[in-house]
Structure formats: C-alpha cells, structure tokens
C-alpha cells in the first residue's frame, strides 16, 4: 500500500529521504494552497519548518510516493502525534498527506545545518529559492 506525501521542509532533500524512507519515490514539485512556510520554536532554541494557514498564499514542495514503513519512519522523525499531526489535501482527486504543527508557536530562526538541508532539498526538487529567502527575511541569517 502506498500513500502520497507532500514535503516542504528538510524532507525535500532527496538523499535524506532515501536514507529515512527506503521505498520513497519523488514524483514532482507541487504547491500547497492556502498556507505559507514558517519556522516555529517548539521546546527548542531553534525553529523547525511548519506551514500556517494564509489565504491567497501557497507553499512550494515535493510530492513523494511512500510505503507504510516509510510513513512509520516519517512519523518518528516528525514526532507524530506529539509535535506534528497529519493533515490532508486533494490534488486532481488524489488525497495527499502532510505534517503540520497545529498549536501556535512563536517564530524562531532555524539552525544553519537544518536550513542547509532544506536549501539542498529546494535544489533537488527544482523549487524557487527566492520563496525560501523571502520566508527567512524575518531572521538575521
């Protein structure tokens, strides 16, 4: 059984996904409409990627096909259900899963290594790095 998964943070990075999710297959870049990318502090001194609702906005990301064992590995990595929860959207009548922090947290700058992993993922998925730079303009990087 496979599932479609939308990545918008460090899981855009193809080598990271292949290590973590052995059966995963990258499909293409897509957008999550009605959200914006954010970095939130959750029991940490640094921010982690999250999406927050924002009308007339969209988040670029990567669409992956994952197996049940891949999903279990992602659940552990994302801290599901304690830190992140799962949400879904439809694209061309297909249900796509993504992780989201439901509670409100303050914005916090991500660590450099984490951000470098996301930047590499943007390149891997051929996403516009300008979007990421604009979202990070809140921080002094």
Protein backbone atom coordinates (compact mmCIF):
# COMPACT_ATOMS: atom_id res chain seq x y z
CA UNK A 1 0.00 0.00 0.00
CA UNK A 2 1.37 3.42 -0.93
CA UNK A 3 0.46 6.94 0.03
CA UNK A 4 1.16 10.38 -1.44
CA UNK A 5 3.15 12.68 0.83
CA UNK A 6 3.83 16.42 0.49
CA UNK A 7 7.20 17.59 1.85
CA UNK A 8 8.01 21.29 2.41
CA UNK A 9 11.00 21.27 4.80
CA UNK A 10 14.02 19.03 5.27
CA UNK A 11 12.22 16.08 3.64
CA UNK A 12 12.57 17.84 0.29
CA UNK A 13 16.19 16.69 0.45
CA UNK A 14 16.38 13.60 -1.75
CA UNK A 15 19.37 11.94 -0.05
CA UNK A 16 17.77 12.44 3.39
CA UNK A 17 14.51 10.90 2.19
CA UNK A 18 16.29 7.90 0.64
CA UNK A 19 18.10 7.22 3.94
CA UNK A 20 14.98 7.60 6.04
CA UNK A 21 12.36 6.19 3.67
CA UNK A 22 13.85 3.35 1.62
CA UNK A 23 10.78 2.87 -0.61
CA UNK A 24 10.11 6.56 -1.27
CA UNK A 25 9.91 7.83 -4.84
CA UNK A 26 9.98 11.52 -5.71
CA UNK A 27 7.23 12.38 -8.20
CA UNK A 28 7.27 16.14 -8.87
CA UNK A 29 7.09 19.61 -7.39
CA UNK A 30 3.65 20.91 -6.38
CA UNK A 31 2.12 23.68 -4.25
CA UNK A 32 0.05 23.58 -1.06
CA UNK A 33 -2.51 26.38 -1.46
CA UNK A 34 -3.83 28.47 1.41
CA UNK A 35 -0.66 28.14 3.53
CA UNK A 36 2.73 29.79 3.99
CA UNK A 37 6.04 28.37 5.17
CA UNK A 38 7.06 29.26 8.71
CA UNK A 39 9.71 28.26 11.23
CA UNK A 40 8.39 27.60 14.71
CA UNK A 41 10.04 27.10 18.06
CA UNK A 42 8.76 24.00 19.82
CA UNK A 43 10.63 23.15 23.04
CA UNK A 44 13.81 24.08 21.17
CA UNK A 45 16.11 27.03 20.87
CA UNK A 46 15.73 26.92 17.09
CA UNK A 47 12.91 26.82 14.57
CA UNK A 48 11.58 23.86 12.62
CA UNK A 49 9.66 24.02 9.35
CA UNK A 50 5.89 24.30 9.56
CA UNK A 51 3.05 25.55 7.41
CA UNK A 52 0.47 28.00 8.71
CA UNK A 53 -2.80 28.96 7.09
CA UNK A 54 -2.66 32.09 4.97
CA UNK A 55 -5.28 32.98 2.40
CA UNK A 56 -4.03 33.66 -1.13
CA UNK A 57 -0.66 32.09 -0.38
CA UNK A 58 0.99 28.81 -1.39
CA UNK A 59 3.93 26.72 -0.26
CA UNK A 60 6.19 25.02 -2.79
CA UNK A 61 7.08 21.44 -2.03
CA UNK A 62 7.74 17.97 -3.28
CA UNK A 63 5.29 15.17 -3.88
CA UNK A 64 6.51 11.72 -2.82
CA UNK A 65 5.05 8.23 -3.06
CA UNK A 66 5.76 6.45 0.23
CA UNK A 67 5.14 2.99 1.66
CA UNK A 68 3.58 2.16 5.01
CA UNK A 69 7.05 1.57 6.51
CA UNK A 70 8.17 4.95 5.09
CA UNK A 71 5.21 6.60 6.80
CA UNK A 72 6.15 4.97 10.12
CA UNK A 73 9.72 6.31 9.73
CA UNK A 74 8.38 9.79 8.97
CA UNK A 75 6.03 9.60 11.97
CA UNK A 76 9.04 9.00 14.22
CA UNK A 77 11.14 11.74 12.58
CA UNK A 78 8.29 14.29 12.75
CA UNK A 79 7.35 13.42 16.33
CA UNK A 80 3.84 12.35 15.35
CA UNK A 81 1.44 12.74 17.08
CA UNK A 82 3.11 14.78 19.83
CA UNK A 83 4.85 17.51 17.83
CA UNK A 84 3.34 17.28 14.35
CA UNK A 85 -0.03 15.94 13.33
CA UNK A 86 -1.17 14.82 9.89
CA UNK A 87 -3.42 16.75 7.57
CA UNK A 88 -4.59 16.11 4.03
CA UNK A 89 -5.47 17.95 0.85
CA UNK A 90 -6.65 16.85 -2.56
CA UNK A 91 -4.95 17.41 -5.87
CA UNK A 92 -6.53 16.02 -9.03
CA UNK A 93 -8.80 13.83 -6.89
CA UNK A 94 -5.84 12.29 -5.05
CA UNK A 95 -5.51 12.52 -1.28
CA UNK A 96 -2.12 13.88 -0.18
CA UNK A 97 -0.80 13.76 3.39
CA UNK A 98 1.41 16.37 5.04
CA UNK A 99 2.61 17.10 8.56
CA UNK A 100 1.65 20.28 10.40
CA UNK A 101 2.15 21.74 13.87
CA UNK A 102 -1.41 22.55 14.91
CA UNK A 103 -0.65 24.57 18.04
CA UNK A 104 0.57 28.15 17.81
CA UNK A 105 4.25 28.73 18.44
CA UNK A 106 6.48 31.72 18.05
CA UNK A 107 8.67 32.20 15.00
CA UNK A 108 12.25 31.13 15.55
CA UNK A 109 15.28 31.02 13.28
CA UNK A 110 16.30 27.53 12.11
CA UNK A 111 19.78 26.18 12.72
CA UNK A 112 22.23 26.58 9.83
CA UNK A 113 22.67 22.83 9.20
CA UNK A 114 18.89 22.28 9.12
CA UNK A 115 18.47 25.23 6.77
CA UNK A 116 21.24 23.90 4.50
CA UNK A 117 19.36 20.58 4.31
CA UNK A 118 16.21 22.44 3.24
CA UNK A 119 18.14 24.53 0.68
CA UNK A 120 19.57 21.34 -0.83
CA UNK A 121 16.02 19.96 -0.99
CA UNK A 122 14.84 23.06 -2.83
CA UNK A 123 17.56 22.41 -5.41
CA UNK A 124 16.76 18.68 -5.58
CA UNK A 125 13.09 19.46 -6.30
CA UNK A 126 13.83 22.42 -8.59
CA UNK A 127 11.96 24.84 -6.31
CA UNK A 128 12.41 28.61 -6.34
CA UNK A 129 14.95 29.50 -3.63
CA UNK A 130 13.58 33.06 -3.63
CA UNK A 131 10.48 31.81 -1.80
CA UNK A 132 12.65 30.37 0.96
CA UNK A 133 14.75 33.53 1.14
CA UNK A 134 11.62 35.69 1.49
CA UNK A 135 10.28 33.48 4.29
CA UNK A 136 13.64 33.75 6.06
CA UNK A 137 13.81 37.52 5.74
CA UNK A 138 12.29 37.63 9.23
CA UNK A 139 15.55 36.31 10.59
CA UNK A 140 19.08 37.67 10.64
CA UNK A 141 20.87 34.82 8.91
